[in-house]
Amino acid sequence: MSQNENNDTTVPTPLSPEPAPPAAAPESTPVTAAPVPLPSDAELKELRDKAAKADENWDKFLRATADLENYRKRAIREREEYVRAATERVVAALLPVLDNFERALEAFEQHKGDTTALLDGIKQIQVQFRRTLEESGLQEVIAHAGHAFDPNLHEAVGQIESDDHPEGAVARQLQRGYKLANRLLRPARVVVSKGKAAGGK
């Protein structure tokens, strides 16, 4: 026997362990739903009453919304009608003034050179025009020279030194101011006095 044959020893291969059988799934326990109790007659009546009340409130809401929208439209119409009527009254009151202006111009064309008559006619028209506006609630803002300056009624467009008027008083009125129903339409434009000039007595 050769030396190779003595050394040829076969080592047995260990066997792989057999896989364990799968564990049996636990048996599922059937879930039984709890029975839902039916509402009683009293509960059903209460639900019906609540549903009826909800319908009633919804109907009231819709009616209130419609009434509010109708009121809003009516208020807009009434305001527009009021403005239109007020405008018509003012314009109708001013038409005679316009007529007199036209008559004055016609008279001036017929009697050219007679500026005195034209001036008298224009003054009469001015008086008529002012009276018509005053009847509509127009009031002139007081801003005569020497009157105290009021920033709520007057607009100062400049300052001048004045020996005749104290500092802060109106020295000169440049444009008349007006109020309508005690509401300022236009402030009077004035020049305000700074007082006496430096070195003045």
N, C-alpha and C. Protein backbone atom coordinates (compact mmCIF):
# COMPACT_ATOMS: atom_id res chain seq x y z
N MET A 1 0.88 -1.18 0.00
CA MET A 1 0.00 0.00 0.00
C MET A 1 0.89 1.20 0.00
N SER A 2 0.54 2.14 -0.87
CA SER A 2 1.37 3.33 -0.97
C SER A 2 1.06 4.30 0.13
N GLN A 3 1.94 5.25 0.26
CA GLN A 3 1.77 6.25 1.33
C GLN A 3 0.56 7.10 1.05
N ASN A 4 0.22 7.38 -0.28
CA ASN A 4 -0.94 8.20 -0.62
C ASN A 4 -2.20 7.52 -0.24
N GLU A 5 -2.21 6.19 -0.41
CA GLU A 5 -3.42 5.48 -0.06
C GLU A 5 -3.63 5.50 1.43
N ASN A 6 -2.54 5.47 2.23
CA ASN A 6 -2.72 5.53 3.69
C ASN A 6 -3.24 6.88 4.12
N ASN A 7 -2.86 7.94 3.38
CA ASN A 7 -3.29 9.29 3.80
C ASN A 7 -4.66 9.67 3.27
N ASP A 8 -5.26 8.90 2.39
CA ASP A 8 -6.57 9.27 1.78
C ASP A 8 -7.66 8.88 2.73
N THR A 9 -7.95 9.77 3.66
CA THR A 9 -9.00 9.51 4.65
C THR A 9 -10.17 10.41 4.33
N THR A 10 -11.30 9.85 4.13
CA THR A 10 -12.51 10.63 3.78
C THR A 10 -13.19 11.09 5.05
N VAL A 11 -13.38 12.41 5.13
CA VAL A 11 -14.06 12.98 6.31
C VAL A 11 -15.53 13.12 5.96
N PRO A 12 -16.34 12.50 6.72
CA PRO A 12 -17.79 12.59 6.38
C PRO A 12 -18.31 14.03 6.57
N THR A 13 -19.15 14.51 5.62
CA THR A 13 -19.75 15.87 5.68
C THR A 13 -20.93 15.85 6.62
N PRO A 14 -20.93 16.77 7.59
CA PRO A 14 -22.07 16.76 8.53
C PRO A 14 -23.35 17.10 7.78
N LEU A 15 -24.40 16.46 8.15
CA LEU A 15 -25.70 16.68 7.50
C LEU A 15 -26.33 17.95 8.06
N SER A 16 -26.97 18.73 7.14
CA SER A 16 -27.70 19.93 7.60
C SER A 16 -28.92 19.51 8.37
N PRO A 17 -29.19 20.22 9.46
CA PRO A 17 -30.39 19.84 10.22
C PRO A 17 -31.64 20.06 9.40
N GLU A 18 -32.59 19.23 9.55
CA GLU A 18 -33.85 19.38 8.81
C GLU A 18 -34.61 20.58 9.35
N PRO A 19 -35.19 21.38 8.42
CA PRO A 19 -35.94 22.56 8.87
C PRO A 19 -37.11 22.15 9.74
N ALA A 20 -37.30 22.98 10.77
CA ALA A 20 -38.41 22.69 11.69
C ALA A 20 -39.71 22.96 10.98
N PRO A 21 -40.66 22.17 11.24
CA PRO A 21 -41.98 22.42 10.60
C PRO A 21 -42.55 23.75 11.05
N PRO A 22 -43.23 24.48 10.14
CA PRO A 22 -43.78 25.80 10.52
C PRO A 22 -44.75 25.64 11.67
N ALA A 23 -44.67 26.70 12.53
CA ALA A 23 -45.56 26.68 13.69
C ALA A 23 -46.99 26.87 13.21
N ALA A 24 -47.79 26.15 13.83
CA ALA A 24 -49.21 26.23 13.46
C ALA A 24 -49.77 27.59 13.87
N ALA A 25 -50.49 28.26 12.94
CA ALA A 25 -51.09 29.57 13.25
C ALA A 25 -52.14 29.39 14.31
N PRO A 26 -52.12 30.32 15.27
CA PRO A 26 -53.15 30.20 16.30
C PRO A 26 -54.53 30.36 15.68
N GLU A 27 -55.38 29.63 16.18
CA GLU A 27 -56.75 29.72 15.66
C GLU A 27 -57.33 31.08 16.01
N SER A 28 -57.89 31.81 14.95
CA SER A 28 -58.47 33.14 15.16
C SER A 28 -59.83 33.01 15.83
N THR A 29 -59.97 33.93 16.78
CA THR A 29 -61.25 33.94 17.49
C THR A 29 -62.19 34.87 16.74
N PRO A 30 -63.30 34.44 16.28
CA PRO A 30 -64.24 35.30 15.56
C PRO A 30 -64.73 36.45 16.46
N VAL A 31 -64.69 37.72 15.81
CA VAL A 31 -65.15 38.90 16.55
C VAL A 31 -66.62 39.12 16.24
N THR A 32 -67.33 39.19 17.25
CA THR A 32 -68.77 39.41 17.10
C THR A 32 -69.08 40.86 17.42
N ALA A 33 -69.65 41.66 16.44
CA ALA A 33 -69.99 43.06 16.66
C ALA A 33 -71.07 43.17 17.70
N ALA A 34 -70.86 44.18 18.57
CA ALA A 34 -71.87 44.40 19.60
C ALA A 34 -73.13 44.93 18.94
N PRO A 35 -74.22 44.48 19.33
CA PRO A 35 -75.47 44.96 18.73
C PRO A 35 -75.69 46.43 19.03
N VAL A 36 -76.06 47.23 17.97
CA VAL A 36 -76.34 48.66 18.13
C VAL A 36 -77.77 48.81 18.62
N PRO A 37 -77.88 49.46 19.77
CA PRO A 37 -79.25 49.60 20.28
C PRO A 37 -80.06 50.55 19.42
N LEU A 38 -81.23 50.24 19.11
CA LEU A 38 -82.12 51.10 18.34
C LEU A 38 -82.62 52.24 19.23
N PRO A 39 -82.73 53.48 18.62
CA PRO A 39 -83.23 54.60 19.44
C PRO A 39 -84.67 54.34 19.86
N SER A 40 -84.93 54.85 21.01
CA SER A 40 -86.28 54.70 21.52
C SER A 40 -87.21 55.67 20.81
N ASP A 41 -88.48 55.51 21.03
CA ASP A 41 -89.46 56.41 20.41
C ASP A 41 -89.25 57.85 20.87
N ALA A 42 -88.88 58.02 22.14
CA ALA A 42 -88.66 59.37 22.65
C ALA A 42 -87.46 60.01 21.97
N GLU A 43 -86.39 59.22 21.76
CA GLU A 43 -85.21 59.75 21.10
C GLU A 43 -85.50 60.09 19.63
N LEU A 44 -86.26 59.23 18.97
CA LEU A 44 -86.65 59.53 17.59
C LEU A 44 -87.46 60.81 17.50
N LYS A 45 -88.36 61.00 18.44
CA LYS A 45 -89.18 62.21 18.46
C LYS A 45 -88.31 63.44 18.68
N GLU A 46 -87.31 63.31 19.58
CA GLU A 46 -86.42 64.43 19.84
C GLU A 46 -85.61 64.78 18.59
N LEU A 47 -85.12 63.75 17.86
CA LEU A 47 -84.37 64.00 16.63
C LEU A 47 -85.24 64.68 15.58
N ARG A 48 -86.48 64.22 15.46
CA ARG A 48 -87.38 64.85 14.49
C ARG A 48 -87.64 66.31 14.86
N ASP A 49 -87.84 66.56 16.15
CA ASP A 49 -88.08 67.94 16.59
C ASP A 49 -86.88 68.84 16.29
N LYS A 50 -85.67 68.31 16.53
CA LYS A 50 -84.47 69.09 16.26
C LYS A 50 -84.30 69.37 14.76
N ALA A 51 -84.60 68.36 13.95
CA ALA A 51 -84.51 68.55 12.50
C ALA A 51 -85.52 69.59 12.02
N ALA A 52 -86.73 69.54 12.58
CA ALA A 52 -87.76 70.52 12.20
C ALA A 52 -87.34 71.92 12.63
N LYS A 53 -86.72 72.02 13.83
CA LYS A 53 -86.27 73.32 14.31
C LYS A 53 -85.15 73.87 13.44
N ALA A 54 -84.23 72.98 13.03
CA ALA A 54 -83.14 73.40 12.14
C ALA A 54 -83.69 73.91 10.81
N ASP A 55 -84.68 73.21 10.25
CA ASP A 55 -85.29 73.66 9.00
C ASP A 55 -85.96 75.02 9.18
N GLU A 56 -86.63 75.18 10.34
CA GLU A 56 -87.30 76.45 10.60
C GLU A 56 -86.30 77.60 10.72
N ASN A 57 -85.19 77.36 11.44
CA ASN A 57 -84.16 78.39 11.59
C ASN A 57 -83.51 78.73 10.25
N TRP A 58 -83.28 77.73 9.42
CA TRP A 58 -82.69 77.97 8.10
C TRP A 58 -83.62 78.82 7.24
N ASP A 59 -84.92 78.53 7.32
CA ASP A 59 -85.90 79.31 6.57
C ASP A 59 -85.92 80.76 7.07
N LYS A 60 -85.84 80.94 8.39
CA LYS A 60 -85.80 82.30 8.94
C LYS A 60 -84.55 83.03 8.48
N PHE A 61 -83.42 82.33 8.44
CA PHE A 61 -82.17 82.95 7.99
C PHE A 61 -82.27 83.41 6.53
N LEU A 62 -82.83 82.56 5.68
CA LEU A 62 -82.98 82.93 4.28
C LEU A 62 -83.89 84.13 4.11
N ARG A 63 -84.98 84.16 4.89
CA ARG A 63 -85.90 85.29 4.79
C ARG A 63 -85.25 86.58 5.30
N ALA A 64 -84.49 86.46 6.42
CA ALA A 64 -83.82 87.64 6.96
C ALA A 64 -82.78 88.18 5.98
N THR A 65 -82.06 87.27 5.33
CA THR A 65 -81.07 87.69 4.34
C THR A 65 -81.74 88.40 3.16
N ALA A 66 -82.86 87.87 2.71
CA ALA A 66 -83.59 88.50 1.61
C ALA A 66 -84.13 89.87 2.03
N ASP A 67 -84.65 89.97 3.27
CA ASP A 67 -85.16 91.25 3.75
C ASP A 67 -84.04 92.29 3.84
N LEU A 68 -82.86 91.87 4.31
CA LEU A 68 -81.73 92.79 4.41
C LEU A 68 -81.29 93.28 3.04
N GLU A 69 -81.26 92.38 2.07
CA GLU A 69 -80.86 92.78 0.71
C GLU A 69 -81.88 93.74 0.12
N ASN A 70 -83.17 93.48 0.36
CA ASN A 70 -84.22 94.38 -0.14
C ASN A 70 -84.11 95.75 0.53
N TYR A 71 -83.81 95.76 1.83
CA TYR A 71 -83.66 97.03 2.55
C TYR A 71 -82.48 97.82 1.99
N ARG A 72 -81.37 97.12 1.72
CA ARG A 72 -80.19 97.79 1.18
C ARG A 72 -80.50 98.44 -0.18
N LYS A 73 -81.19 97.69 -1.04
CA LYS A 73 -81.54 98.23 -2.35
C LYS A 73 -82.50 99.40 -2.22
N ARG A 74 -83.46 99.28 -1.30
CA ARG A 74 -84.42 100.37 -1.11
C ARG A 74 -83.73 101.63 -0.58
N ALA A 75 -82.77 101.44 0.34
CA ALA A 75 -82.03 102.59 0.89
C ALA A 75 -81.23 103.28 -0.19
N ILE A 76 -80.63 102.50 -1.08
CA ILE A 76 -79.85 103.09 -2.18
C ILE A 76 -80.77 103.89 -3.10
N ARG A 77 -81.94 103.32 -3.42
CA ARG A 77 -82.89 104.03 -4.29
C ARG A 77 -83.37 105.32 -3.64
N GLU A 78 -83.68 105.26 -2.33
CA GLU A 78 -84.18 106.45 -1.64
C GLU A 78 -83.10 107.53 -1.57
N ARG A 79 -81.83 107.13 -1.35
CA ARG A 79 -80.76 108.11 -1.30
C ARG A 79 -80.57 108.76 -2.67
N GLU A 80 -80.60 107.95 -3.72
CA GLU A 80 -80.46 108.50 -5.07
C GLU A 80 -81.61 109.45 -5.39
N GLU A 81 -82.82 109.07 -4.96
CA GLU A 81 -83.98 109.92 -5.22
C GLU A 81 -83.86 111.23 -4.44
N TYR A 82 -83.35 111.15 -3.21
CA TYR A 82 -83.19 112.37 -2.40
C TYR A 82 -82.17 113.31 -3.05
N VAL A 83 -81.03 112.76 -3.48
CA VAL A 83 -80.01 113.58 -4.13
C VAL A 83 -80.56 114.20 -5.40
N ARG A 84 -81.31 113.41 -6.18
CA ARG A 84 -81.86 113.93 -7.43
C ARG A 84 -82.86 115.06 -7.14
N ALA A 85 -83.71 114.87 -6.13
CA ALA A 85 -84.70 115.90 -5.81
C ALA A 85 -84.03 117.17 -5.30
N ALA A 86 -83.00 117.01 -4.45
CA ALA A 86 -82.29 118.18 -3.94
C ALA A 86 -81.59 118.93 -5.06
N THR A 87 -81.00 118.19 -5.99
CA THR A 87 -80.34 118.84 -7.12
C THR A 87 -81.34 119.58 -7.99
N GLU A 88 -82.50 118.99 -8.20
CA GLU A 88 -83.54 119.63 -9.01
C GLU A 88 -84.00 120.93 -8.36
N ARG A 89 -84.12 120.92 -7.02
CA ARG A 89 -84.57 122.14 -6.33
C ARG A 89 -83.55 123.27 -6.50
N VAL A 90 -82.26 122.93 -6.33
CA VAL A 90 -81.22 123.95 -6.44
C VAL A 90 -81.15 124.50 -7.87
N VAL A 91 -81.18 123.59 -8.84
CA VAL A 91 -81.08 124.03 -10.24
C VAL A 91 -82.30 124.88 -10.60
N ALA A 92 -83.49 124.46 -10.18
CA ALA A 92 -84.70 125.23 -10.48
C ALA A 92 -84.63 126.62 -9.85
N ALA A 93 -84.03 126.70 -8.64
CA ALA A 93 -83.92 128.00 -7.99
C ALA A 93 -82.91 128.90 -8.68
N LEU A 94 -81.93 128.31 -9.36
CA LEU A 94 -80.89 129.11 -10.03
C LEU A 94 -81.28 129.52 -11.45
N LEU A 95 -82.32 128.92 -11.99
CA LEU A 95 -82.71 129.27 -13.36
C LEU A 95 -83.07 130.75 -13.52
N PRO A 96 -83.81 131.38 -12.57
CA PRO A 96 -84.08 132.82 -12.72
C PRO A 96 -82.80 133.66 -12.75
N VAL A 97 -81.78 133.25 -12.01
CA VAL A 97 -80.52 133.97 -12.04
C VAL A 97 -79.90 133.89 -13.43
N LEU A 98 -79.94 132.69 -14.02
CA LEU A 98 -79.43 132.52 -15.38
C LEU A 98 -80.21 133.39 -16.36
N ASP A 99 -81.53 133.44 -16.17
CA ASP A 99 -82.35 134.29 -17.05
C ASP A 99 -81.92 135.75 -16.95
N ASN A 100 -81.66 136.22 -15.74
CA ASN A 100 -81.28 137.62 -15.57
C ASN A 100 -79.90 137.90 -16.16
N PHE A 101 -79.00 136.93 -16.09
CA PHE A 101 -77.70 137.10 -16.74
C PHE A 101 -77.89 137.27 -18.25
N GLU A 102 -78.73 136.46 -18.82
CA GLU A 102 -78.96 136.55 -20.27
C GLU A 102 -79.61 137.89 -20.63
N ARG A 103 -80.55 138.36 -19.80
CA ARG A 103 -81.18 139.66 -20.07
C ARG A 103 -80.16 140.79 -19.98
N ALA A 104 -79.26 140.68 -18.99
CA ALA A 104 -78.24 141.73 -18.84
C ALA A 104 -77.32 141.78 -20.06
N LEU A 105 -76.93 140.61 -20.55
CA LEU A 105 -76.07 140.57 -21.73
C LEU A 105 -76.80 141.11 -22.96
N GLU A 106 -78.09 140.80 -23.10
CA GLU A 106 -78.86 141.32 -24.23
C GLU A 106 -78.97 142.84 -24.15
N ALA A 107 -79.20 143.33 -22.92
CA ALA A 107 -79.32 144.79 -22.76
C ALA A 107 -78.00 145.47 -23.07
N PHE A 108 -76.88 144.85 -22.70
CA PHE A 108 -75.58 145.45 -22.98
C PHE A 108 -75.32 145.48 -24.49
N GLU A 109 -75.73 144.43 -25.19
CA GLU A 109 -75.56 144.40 -26.64
C GLU A 109 -76.39 145.48 -27.31
N GLN A 110 -77.57 145.77 -26.76
CA GLN A 110 -78.45 146.77 -27.36
C GLN A 110 -78.00 148.19 -27.02
N HIS A 111 -77.38 148.36 -25.85
CA HIS A 111 -76.96 149.69 -25.42
C HIS A 111 -75.46 149.66 -25.13
N LYS A 112 -74.69 149.46 -26.17
CA LYS A 112 -73.25 149.39 -26.01
C LYS A 112 -72.72 150.74 -25.51
N GLY A 113 -71.77 150.65 -24.60
CA GLY A 113 -71.18 151.86 -24.05
C GLY A 113 -71.80 152.26 -22.73
N ASP A 114 -73.00 151.75 -22.41
CA ASP A 114 -73.65 152.10 -21.14
C ASP A 114 -73.22 151.10 -20.08
N THR A 115 -71.98 151.27 -19.63
CA THR A 115 -71.45 150.32 -18.65
C THR A 115 -72.08 150.49 -17.27
N THR A 116 -72.60 151.67 -16.99
CA THR A 116 -73.21 151.89 -15.66
C THR A 116 -74.43 151.01 -15.48
N ALA A 117 -75.30 150.98 -16.51
CA ALA A 117 -76.49 150.15 -16.43
C ALA A 117 -76.11 148.68 -16.33
N LEU A 118 -75.08 148.29 -17.09
CA LEU A 118 -74.64 146.89 -17.03
C LEU A 118 -74.12 146.55 -15.65
N LEU A 119 -73.34 147.44 -15.06
CA LEU A 119 -72.81 147.18 -13.72
C LEU A 119 -73.92 147.07 -12.69
N ASP A 120 -74.92 147.94 -12.79
CA ASP A 120 -76.05 147.86 -11.85
C ASP A 120 -76.79 146.53 -12.02
N GLY A 121 -76.95 146.11 -13.28
CA GLY A 121 -77.65 144.85 -13.51
C GLY A 121 -76.89 143.66 -12.95
N ILE A 122 -75.56 143.65 -13.12
CA ILE A 122 -74.75 142.55 -12.59
C ILE A 122 -74.81 142.52 -11.07
N LYS A 123 -74.79 143.69 -10.44
CA LYS A 123 -74.90 143.74 -8.98
C LYS A 123 -76.23 143.17 -8.51
N GLN A 124 -77.29 143.49 -9.22
CA GLN A 124 -78.60 142.95 -8.84
C GLN A 124 -78.63 141.42 -8.99
N ILE A 125 -78.00 140.93 -10.04
CA ILE A 125 -77.95 139.48 -10.25
C ILE A 125 -77.12 138.81 -9.14
N GLN A 126 -76.03 139.45 -8.74
CA GLN A 126 -75.23 138.90 -7.66
C GLN A 126 -76.04 138.80 -6.37
N VAL A 127 -76.81 139.85 -6.06
CA VAL A 127 -77.65 139.81 -4.86
C VAL A 127 -78.68 138.69 -4.97
N GLN A 128 -79.30 138.57 -6.13
CA GLN A 128 -80.29 137.51 -6.32
C GLN A 128 -79.66 136.14 -6.20
N PHE A 129 -78.48 135.98 -6.78
CA PHE A 129 -77.79 134.69 -6.75
C PHE A 129 -77.41 134.31 -5.31
N ARG A 130 -76.88 135.29 -4.56
CA ARG A 130 -76.49 135.02 -3.18
C ARG A 130 -77.72 134.68 -2.33
N ARG A 131 -78.81 135.40 -2.55
CA ARG A 131 -80.03 135.13 -1.77
C ARG A 131 -80.56 133.73 -2.06
N THR A 132 -80.49 133.32 -3.32
CA THR A 132 -80.95 131.98 -3.68
C THR A 132 -80.12 130.91 -2.99
N LEU A 133 -78.81 131.08 -2.96
CA LEU A 133 -77.94 130.10 -2.30
C LEU A 133 -78.15 130.10 -0.79
N GLU A 134 -78.36 131.27 -0.21
CA GLU A 134 -78.60 131.33 1.23
C GLU A 134 -79.91 130.63 1.60
N GLU A 135 -80.91 130.73 0.74
CA GLU A 135 -82.16 130.02 0.99
C GLU A 135 -81.97 128.51 0.94
N SER A 136 -80.91 128.06 0.26
CA SER A 136 -80.60 126.63 0.20
C SER A 136 -79.68 126.20 1.34
N GLY A 137 -79.36 127.13 2.27
CA GLY A 137 -78.56 126.78 3.44
C GLY A 137 -77.12 127.24 3.38
N LEU A 138 -76.75 128.02 2.35
CA LEU A 138 -75.36 128.46 2.23
C LEU A 138 -75.08 129.58 3.23
N GLN A 139 -73.90 129.50 3.90
CA GLN A 139 -73.48 130.53 4.84
C GLN A 139 -72.05 130.94 4.52
N GLU A 140 -71.78 132.23 4.59
CA GLU A 140 -70.43 132.70 4.33
C GLU A 140 -69.58 132.56 5.59
N VAL A 141 -68.33 132.15 5.41
CA VAL A 141 -67.39 132.06 6.52
C VAL A 141 -66.84 133.46 6.80
N ILE A 142 -66.92 133.88 8.06
CA ILE A 142 -66.43 135.21 8.43
C ILE A 142 -64.91 135.20 8.41
N ALA A 143 -64.32 136.05 7.58
CA ALA A 143 -62.87 136.14 7.49
C ALA A 143 -62.46 137.57 7.13
N HIS A 144 -63.09 138.54 7.82
CA HIS A 144 -62.77 139.93 7.53
C HIS A 144 -61.41 140.29 8.12
N ALA A 145 -60.81 141.34 7.60
CA ALA A 145 -59.53 141.81 8.13
C ALA A 145 -59.68 142.15 9.60
N GLY A 146 -58.75 141.68 10.41
CA GLY A 146 -58.81 141.90 11.84
C GLY A 146 -59.47 140.77 12.60
N HIS A 147 -60.17 139.89 11.88
CA HIS A 147 -60.82 138.75 12.52
C HIS A 147 -59.77 137.71 12.91
N ALA A 148 -59.97 137.05 14.05
CA ALA A 148 -59.00 136.05 14.51
C ALA A 148 -58.92 134.89 13.52
N PHE A 149 -57.69 134.46 13.22
CA PHE A 149 -57.50 133.34 12.30
C PHE A 149 -57.97 132.04 12.95
N ASP A 150 -58.80 131.28 12.22
CA ASP A 150 -59.32 130.01 12.70
C ASP A 150 -58.92 128.92 11.70
N PRO A 151 -58.00 128.02 12.07
CA PRO A 151 -57.57 126.99 11.11
C PRO A 151 -58.67 126.04 10.71
N ASN A 152 -59.77 126.01 11.47
CA ASN A 152 -60.89 125.15 11.10
C ASN A 152 -61.75 125.75 9.99
N LEU A 153 -61.63 127.07 9.80
CA LEU A 153 -62.46 127.75 8.81
C LEU A 153 -61.65 128.50 7.76
N HIS A 154 -60.38 128.78 8.08
CA HIS A 154 -59.56 129.60 7.19
C HIS A 154 -58.36 128.80 6.69
N GLU A 155 -57.92 129.15 5.49
CA GLU A 155 -56.70 128.59 4.91
C GLU A 155 -55.70 129.71 4.73
N ALA A 156 -54.59 129.65 5.48
CA ALA A 156 -53.57 130.70 5.38
C ALA A 156 -52.68 130.42 4.17
N VAL A 157 -52.61 131.40 3.27
CA VAL A 157 -51.77 131.24 2.08
C VAL A 157 -50.52 132.12 2.16
N GLY A 158 -50.39 132.86 3.26
CA GLY A 158 -49.21 133.70 3.42
C GLY A 158 -49.30 134.52 4.69
N GLN A 159 -48.19 135.20 5.02
CA GLN A 159 -48.12 136.07 6.18
C GLN A 159 -47.46 137.38 5.78
N ILE A 160 -47.94 138.46 6.40
CA ILE A 160 -47.36 139.77 6.14
C ILE A 160 -47.26 140.52 7.46
N GLU A 161 -46.31 141.44 7.50
CA GLU A 161 -46.22 142.34 8.65
C GLU A 161 -47.31 143.39 8.52
N SER A 162 -47.93 143.71 9.64
CA SER A 162 -49.05 144.66 9.60
C SER A 162 -49.03 145.51 10.86
N ASP A 163 -49.14 146.82 10.65
CA ASP A 163 -49.26 147.72 11.79
C ASP A 163 -50.71 147.86 12.23
N ASP A 164 -51.64 147.41 11.38
CA ASP A 164 -53.06 147.61 11.67
C ASP A 164 -53.69 146.41 12.37
N HIS A 165 -53.09 145.20 12.21
CA HIS A 165 -53.72 144.00 12.76
C HIS A 165 -52.70 143.24 13.62
N PRO A 166 -53.13 142.71 14.75
CA PRO A 166 -52.21 142.00 15.63
C PRO A 166 -51.76 140.67 15.03
N GLU A 167 -50.71 140.13 15.60
CA GLU A 167 -50.19 138.85 15.13
C GLU A 167 -51.26 137.77 15.27
N GLY A 168 -51.42 136.95 14.21
CA GLY A 168 -52.40 135.86 14.24
C GLY A 168 -53.77 136.26 13.76
N ALA A 169 -53.97 137.53 13.44
CA ALA A 169 -55.26 137.98 12.92
C ALA A 169 -55.23 137.96 11.39
N VAL A 170 -56.42 137.95 10.80
CA VAL A 170 -56.54 138.00 9.34
C VAL A 170 -56.16 139.40 8.88
N ALA A 171 -55.19 139.48 7.99
CA ALA A 171 -54.79 140.77 7.43
C ALA A 171 -55.57 141.09 6.15
N ARG A 172 -55.84 140.06 5.36
CA ARG A 172 -56.56 140.27 4.10
C ARG A 172 -57.22 138.96 3.67
N GLN A 173 -58.43 139.08 3.13
CA GLN A 173 -59.13 137.90 2.59
C GLN A 173 -58.94 137.88 1.08
N LEU A 174 -58.49 136.70 0.58
CA LEU A 174 -58.29 136.55 -0.85
C LEU A 174 -59.44 135.86 -1.55
N GLN A 175 -60.12 134.97 -0.84
CA GLN A 175 -61.25 134.24 -1.42
C GLN A 175 -62.24 133.90 -0.31
N ARG A 176 -63.51 134.11 -0.58
CA ARG A 176 -64.53 133.83 0.42
C ARG A 176 -64.64 132.33 0.68
N GLY A 177 -64.98 132.00 1.91
CA GLY A 177 -65.26 130.62 2.28
C GLY A 177 -66.74 130.45 2.57
N TYR A 178 -67.21 129.20 2.46
CA TYR A 178 -68.65 128.97 2.64
C TYR A 178 -68.89 127.67 3.40
N LYS A 179 -70.02 127.67 4.12
CA LYS A 179 -70.52 126.48 4.81
C LYS A 179 -71.92 126.19 4.28
N LEU A 180 -72.28 124.92 4.28
CA LEU A 180 -73.62 124.51 3.90
C LEU A 180 -74.18 123.66 5.01
N ALA A 181 -75.26 124.15 5.63
CA ALA A 181 -75.87 123.46 6.77
C ALA A 181 -74.82 123.20 7.86
N ASN A 182 -74.03 124.25 8.15
CA ASN A 182 -72.99 124.22 9.19
C ASN A 182 -71.85 123.24 8.87
N ARG A 183 -71.76 122.81 7.63
CA ARG A 183 -70.64 121.96 7.22
C ARG A 183 -69.79 122.74 6.24
N LEU A 184 -68.46 122.74 6.51
CA LEU A 184 -67.57 123.55 5.69
C LEU A 184 -67.49 123.00 4.27
N LEU A 185 -67.82 123.89 3.32
CA LEU A 185 -67.69 123.53 1.90
C LEU A 185 -66.32 123.93 1.38
N ARG A 186 -65.89 125.15 1.76
CA ARG A 186 -64.62 125.66 1.28
C ARG A 186 -64.10 126.66 2.30
N PRO A 187 -62.86 126.50 2.75
CA PRO A 187 -62.32 127.47 3.71
C PRO A 187 -62.04 128.80 3.04
N ALA A 188 -62.05 129.85 3.82
CA ALA A 188 -61.70 131.16 3.30
C ALA A 188 -60.18 131.25 3.18
N ARG A 189 -59.71 131.70 2.05
CA ARG A 189 -58.26 131.84 1.83
C ARG A 189 -57.86 133.24 2.29
N VAL A 190 -56.90 133.30 3.22
CA VAL A 190 -56.55 134.58 3.84
C VAL A 190 -55.03 134.72 3.94
N VAL A 191 -54.64 135.96 4.16
CA VAL A 191 -53.26 136.28 4.51
C VAL A 191 -53.27 136.68 5.98
N VAL A 192 -52.36 136.10 6.77
CA VAL A 192 -52.35 136.30 8.22
C VAL A 192 -51.30 137.32 8.59
N SER A 193 -51.62 138.12 9.60
CA SER A 193 -50.70 139.15 10.06
C SER A 193 -49.61 138.55 10.95
N LYS A 194 -48.38 139.04 10.75
CA LYS A 194 -47.27 138.67 11.63
C LYS A 194 -47.05 139.71 12.72
N GLY A 195 -47.90 140.72 12.74
CA GLY A 195 -47.74 141.79 13.71
C GLY A 195 -46.93 142.93 13.11
N LYS A 196 -46.56 143.86 13.96
CA LYS A 196 -45.83 145.03 13.50
C LYS A 196 -44.44 144.67 13.02
N ALA A 197 -43.95 145.42 12.08
CA ALA A 197 -42.61 145.20 11.56
C ALA A 197 -41.58 145.49 12.62
N ALA A 198 -40.43 144.84 12.54
CA ALA A 198 -39.37 145.06 13.51
C ALA A 198 -38.93 146.52 13.48
N GLY A 199 -38.88 147.13 14.67
CA GLY A 199 -38.52 148.55 14.76
C GLY A 199 -39.70 149.46 14.62
N GLY A 200 -40.89 148.87 14.33
CA GLY A 200 -42.08 149.69 14.21
C GLY A 200 -42.58 150.13 15.57
N LYS A 201 -43.30 151.25 15.61
CA LYS A 201 -43.82 151.77 16.88
C LYS A 201 -45.24 151.28 17.09
